[in-house]
N, C-alpha and C. Protein backbone atom coordinates (compact mmCIF):
# COMPACT_ATOMS: atom_id res chain seq x y z
N MET A 1 0.82 -1.19 0.00
CA MET A 1 0.00 0.00 0.00
C MET A 1 0.87 1.25 0.00
N SER A 2 1.97 1.20 0.73
CA SER A 2 2.88 2.34 0.81
C SER A 2 3.48 2.66 -0.56
N GLU A 3 3.74 1.61 -1.35
CA GLU A 3 4.29 1.82 -2.68
C GLU A 3 3.30 2.58 -3.55
N HIS A 4 2.02 2.28 -3.38
CA HIS A 4 0.98 2.95 -4.16
C HIS A 4 0.94 4.45 -3.83
N ILE A 5 1.11 4.79 -2.57
CA ILE A 5 1.13 6.20 -2.16
C ILE A 5 2.33 6.89 -2.81
N GLU A 6 3.48 6.25 -2.75
CA GLU A 6 4.69 6.81 -3.36
C GLU A 6 4.52 6.99 -4.87
N GLN A 7 3.89 6.02 -5.50
CA GLN A 7 3.67 6.09 -6.94
C GLN A 7 2.78 7.29 -7.29
N VAL A 8 1.69 7.46 -6.55
CA VAL A 8 0.80 8.59 -6.78
C VAL A 8 1.54 9.90 -6.55
N GLN A 9 2.33 9.96 -5.50
CA GLN A 9 3.09 11.18 -5.20
C GLN A 9 4.09 11.49 -6.31
N ASN A 10 4.82 10.49 -6.77
CA ASN A 10 5.79 10.70 -7.84
C ASN A 10 5.12 11.14 -9.13
N GLU A 11 3.98 10.53 -9.45
CA GLU A 11 3.25 10.93 -10.65
C GLU A 11 2.76 12.37 -10.53
N ALA A 12 2.25 12.72 -9.36
CA ALA A 12 1.75 14.07 -9.15
C ALA A 12 2.87 15.09 -9.25
N LEU A 13 4.00 14.82 -8.64
CA LEU A 13 5.14 15.75 -8.69
C LEU A 13 5.66 15.91 -10.11
N ALA A 14 5.68 14.83 -10.87
CA ALA A 14 6.12 14.90 -12.26
C ALA A 14 5.12 15.73 -13.08
N ALA A 15 3.83 15.55 -12.83
CA ALA A 15 2.81 16.31 -13.55
C ALA A 15 2.90 17.79 -13.21
N VAL A 16 3.18 18.09 -11.96
CA VAL A 16 3.33 19.50 -11.55
C VAL A 16 4.50 20.13 -12.30
N GLN A 17 5.62 19.44 -12.36
CA GLN A 17 6.80 19.98 -13.02
C GLN A 17 6.61 20.13 -14.53
N SER A 18 5.81 19.28 -15.12
CA SER A 18 5.62 19.36 -16.57
C SER A 18 4.55 20.36 -16.97
N ALA A 19 3.79 20.87 -16.01
CA ALA A 19 2.76 21.86 -16.32
C ALA A 19 3.43 23.15 -16.79
N GLY A 20 3.04 23.59 -17.99
CA GLY A 20 3.67 24.77 -18.57
C GLY A 20 2.83 26.03 -18.46
N THR A 21 1.57 25.86 -18.08
CA THR A 21 0.69 27.02 -17.94
C THR A 21 -0.10 26.90 -16.65
N MET A 22 -0.71 28.00 -16.26
CA MET A 22 -1.52 27.99 -15.04
C MET A 22 -2.72 27.06 -15.22
N GLU A 23 -3.28 27.00 -16.41
CA GLU A 23 -4.42 26.12 -16.69
C GLU A 23 -4.01 24.66 -16.53
N GLU A 24 -2.87 24.29 -17.06
CA GLU A 24 -2.38 22.91 -16.91
C GLU A 24 -2.13 22.59 -15.44
N LEU A 25 -1.57 23.54 -14.74
CA LEU A 25 -1.30 23.35 -13.31
C LEU A 25 -2.60 23.16 -12.53
N ASN A 26 -3.61 23.91 -12.89
CA ASN A 26 -4.92 23.78 -12.24
C ASN A 26 -5.52 22.39 -12.52
N GLN A 27 -5.34 21.90 -13.74
CA GLN A 27 -5.83 20.56 -14.07
C GLN A 27 -5.12 19.49 -13.24
N VAL A 28 -3.83 19.68 -13.03
CA VAL A 28 -3.06 18.74 -12.19
C VAL A 28 -3.59 18.79 -10.76
N ARG A 29 -3.83 20.01 -10.26
CA ARG A 29 -4.35 20.16 -8.90
C ARG A 29 -5.68 19.43 -8.75
N ILE A 30 -6.55 19.59 -9.70
CA ILE A 30 -7.86 18.93 -9.65
C ILE A 30 -7.70 17.42 -9.72
N ALA A 31 -6.83 16.96 -10.61
CA ALA A 31 -6.64 15.51 -10.80
C ALA A 31 -6.11 14.82 -9.55
N TYR A 32 -5.28 15.53 -8.78
CA TYR A 32 -4.67 14.89 -7.62
C TYR A 32 -5.27 15.32 -6.29
N LEU A 33 -5.71 16.56 -6.16
CA LEU A 33 -6.20 17.05 -4.88
C LEU A 33 -7.71 17.31 -4.85
N GLY A 34 -8.36 17.19 -5.99
CA GLY A 34 -9.80 17.44 -6.04
C GLY A 34 -10.61 16.36 -5.33
N LYS A 35 -11.92 16.60 -5.24
CA LYS A 35 -12.81 15.65 -4.56
C LYS A 35 -12.71 14.23 -5.12
N LYS A 36 -12.57 14.14 -6.43
CA LYS A 36 -12.47 12.83 -7.07
C LYS A 36 -11.05 12.54 -7.52
N GLY A 37 -10.08 13.21 -6.91
CA GLY A 37 -8.68 13.07 -7.28
C GLY A 37 -8.04 11.81 -6.70
N CYS A 38 -6.84 11.57 -7.16
CA CYS A 38 -6.09 10.37 -6.77
C CYS A 38 -5.80 10.31 -5.27
N ILE A 39 -5.44 11.44 -4.69
CA ILE A 39 -5.11 11.44 -3.27
C ILE A 39 -6.36 11.23 -2.42
N GLN A 40 -7.46 11.80 -2.84
CA GLN A 40 -8.73 11.56 -2.14
C GLN A 40 -9.12 10.08 -2.25
N ALA A 41 -8.82 9.48 -3.38
CA ALA A 41 -9.11 8.05 -3.56
C ALA A 41 -8.27 7.21 -2.59
N LEU A 42 -7.04 7.65 -2.33
CA LEU A 42 -6.20 6.95 -1.35
C LEU A 42 -6.85 7.01 0.03
N MET A 43 -7.37 8.19 0.37
CA MET A 43 -8.03 8.34 1.67
C MET A 43 -9.24 7.42 1.78
N ALA A 44 -9.95 7.25 0.68
CA ALA A 44 -11.13 6.38 0.67
C ALA A 44 -10.74 4.92 0.90
N GLU A 45 -9.52 4.56 0.52
CA GLU A 45 -9.06 3.18 0.72
C GLU A 45 -8.86 2.84 2.19
N MET A 46 -8.77 3.85 3.03
CA MET A 46 -8.53 3.61 4.46
C MET A 46 -9.61 2.76 5.10
N LYS A 47 -10.83 2.88 4.60
CA LYS A 47 -11.93 2.12 5.20
C LYS A 47 -11.74 0.61 5.07
N ASN A 48 -10.91 0.20 4.11
CA ASN A 48 -10.68 -1.22 3.89
C ASN A 48 -9.51 -1.77 4.70
N LEU A 49 -8.81 -0.90 5.40
CA LEU A 49 -7.64 -1.33 6.16
C LEU A 49 -8.02 -1.76 7.58
N PRO A 50 -7.20 -2.64 8.16
CA PRO A 50 -7.40 -2.98 9.57
C PRO A 50 -7.16 -1.74 10.44
N LYS A 51 -7.82 -1.71 11.57
CA LYS A 51 -7.79 -0.55 12.47
C LYS A 51 -6.36 -0.13 12.82
N GLU A 52 -5.47 -1.06 13.06
CA GLU A 52 -4.11 -0.73 13.49
C GLU A 52 -3.25 -0.14 12.35
N GLU A 53 -3.64 -0.34 11.11
CA GLU A 53 -2.87 0.19 9.98
C GLU A 53 -3.32 1.59 9.57
N LYS A 54 -4.50 1.99 9.97
CA LYS A 54 -5.07 3.26 9.53
C LYS A 54 -4.24 4.49 9.91
N PRO A 55 -3.75 4.61 11.14
CA PRO A 55 -2.98 5.82 11.47
C PRO A 55 -1.73 6.01 10.61
N ALA A 56 -0.97 4.96 10.42
CA ALA A 56 0.26 5.05 9.61
C ALA A 56 -0.08 5.36 8.16
N PHE A 57 -1.11 4.72 7.65
CA PHE A 57 -1.52 4.95 6.26
C PHE A 57 -1.99 6.40 6.10
N GLY A 58 -2.78 6.88 7.05
CA GLY A 58 -3.27 8.25 7.00
C GLY A 58 -2.14 9.26 7.04
N GLN A 59 -1.12 9.00 7.85
CA GLN A 59 0.03 9.90 7.92
C GLN A 59 0.77 9.95 6.59
N LYS A 60 0.92 8.79 5.95
CA LYS A 60 1.62 8.73 4.67
C LYS A 60 0.83 9.48 3.58
N VAL A 61 -0.48 9.30 3.59
CA VAL A 61 -1.31 10.00 2.60
C VAL A 61 -1.27 11.50 2.85
N ASN A 62 -1.32 11.91 4.11
CA ASN A 62 -1.24 13.34 4.42
C ASN A 62 0.11 13.93 4.02
N ALA A 63 1.19 13.18 4.21
CA ALA A 63 2.51 13.64 3.79
C ALA A 63 2.56 13.78 2.27
N CYS A 64 1.95 12.85 1.58
CA CYS A 64 1.86 12.91 0.12
C CYS A 64 1.10 14.15 -0.31
N LYS A 65 -0.02 14.37 0.32
CA LYS A 65 -0.86 15.54 0.00
C LYS A 65 -0.10 16.83 0.25
N GLN A 66 0.62 16.89 1.34
CA GLN A 66 1.40 18.08 1.68
C GLN A 66 2.51 18.32 0.65
N ALA A 67 3.20 17.26 0.25
CA ALA A 67 4.28 17.40 -0.73
C ALA A 67 3.74 17.89 -2.07
N VAL A 68 2.60 17.38 -2.49
CA VAL A 68 2.00 17.79 -3.76
C VAL A 68 1.52 19.23 -3.66
N THR A 69 0.92 19.59 -2.54
CA THR A 69 0.45 20.97 -2.35
C THR A 69 1.61 21.95 -2.41
N GLU A 70 2.70 21.63 -1.74
CA GLU A 70 3.87 22.51 -1.75
C GLU A 70 4.45 22.63 -3.15
N ALA A 71 4.52 21.52 -3.87
CA ALA A 71 5.05 21.54 -5.23
C ALA A 71 4.16 22.40 -6.14
N LEU A 72 2.85 22.28 -5.95
CA LEU A 72 1.91 23.09 -6.74
C LEU A 72 2.12 24.58 -6.47
N GLU A 73 2.28 24.93 -5.20
CA GLU A 73 2.48 26.34 -4.84
C GLU A 73 3.78 26.88 -5.44
N LYS A 74 4.85 26.10 -5.36
CA LYS A 74 6.13 26.53 -5.91
C LYS A 74 6.05 26.68 -7.42
N ARG A 75 5.41 25.74 -8.08
CA ARG A 75 5.29 25.79 -9.54
C ARG A 75 4.42 26.98 -9.95
N GLN A 76 3.38 27.25 -9.18
CA GLN A 76 2.51 28.39 -9.47
C GLN A 76 3.32 29.69 -9.40
N GLU A 77 4.14 29.82 -8.38
CA GLU A 77 4.98 31.01 -8.25
C GLU A 77 5.94 31.12 -9.42
N ALA A 78 6.54 29.99 -9.81
CA ALA A 78 7.48 30.00 -10.93
C ALA A 78 6.79 30.41 -12.22
N LEU A 79 5.57 29.91 -12.44
CA LEU A 79 4.84 30.27 -13.64
C LEU A 79 4.44 31.75 -13.63
N LYS A 80 4.07 32.25 -12.46
CA LYS A 80 3.73 33.68 -12.35
C LYS A 80 4.94 34.54 -12.66
N GLU A 81 6.09 34.16 -12.12
CA GLU A 81 7.31 34.92 -12.37
C GLU A 81 7.68 34.88 -13.84
N ALA A 82 7.54 33.73 -14.47
CA ALA A 82 7.85 33.59 -15.89
C ALA A 82 6.92 34.46 -16.72
N ALA A 83 5.63 34.46 -16.37
CA ALA A 83 4.66 35.27 -17.10
C ALA A 83 4.97 36.76 -16.92
N LEU A 84 5.35 37.13 -15.72
CA LEU A 84 5.68 38.52 -15.45
C LEU A 84 6.93 38.92 -16.23
N GLY A 85 7.91 38.05 -16.27
CA GLY A 85 9.13 38.31 -17.04
C GLY A 85 8.84 38.48 -18.52
N THR A 86 7.97 37.63 -19.04
CA THR A 86 7.58 37.73 -20.44
C THR A 86 6.86 39.04 -20.71
N GLN A 87 5.98 39.41 -19.80
CA GLN A 87 5.24 40.67 -19.95
C GLN A 87 6.20 41.86 -19.92
N LEU A 88 7.17 41.85 -19.04
CA LEU A 88 8.14 42.93 -18.95
C LEU A 88 8.99 43.01 -20.22
N GLU A 89 9.35 41.86 -20.76
CA GLU A 89 10.12 41.85 -22.01
C GLU A 89 9.30 42.45 -23.15
N LYS A 90 8.02 42.12 -23.21
CA LYS A 90 7.15 42.69 -24.24
C LYS A 90 7.08 44.20 -24.12
N GLU A 91 6.96 44.67 -22.89
CA GLU A 91 6.86 46.12 -22.66
C GLU A 91 8.14 46.82 -23.05
N LYS A 92 9.28 46.18 -22.85
CA LYS A 92 10.56 46.78 -23.24
C LYS A 92 10.64 46.91 -24.76
N ILE A 93 10.16 45.89 -25.47
CA ILE A 93 10.20 45.88 -26.92
C ILE A 93 9.29 46.98 -27.49
N ASP A 94 8.12 47.11 -26.90
CA ASP A 94 7.17 48.12 -27.36
C ASP A 94 7.69 49.47 -27.03
């Protein structure tokens, strides 16, 4: 089960890094953090686990969610800075 969490996290982080626009980044956020996203699906799997495994599994999923959220925020800032830089370059040319 832990491998599945790592796999989802790695896929999400790769998708975040490959997003080239704010729209693409938003689609990644929805796909992984939305109500019907992959990370929410991991949380739904907790009901099938034995009681003693739930806390550790929940912590791993929360760590995954936190890592993806942080990556999304950093990528969003990078995209904003890139857009601002492009806009400034256009203004210089004009």
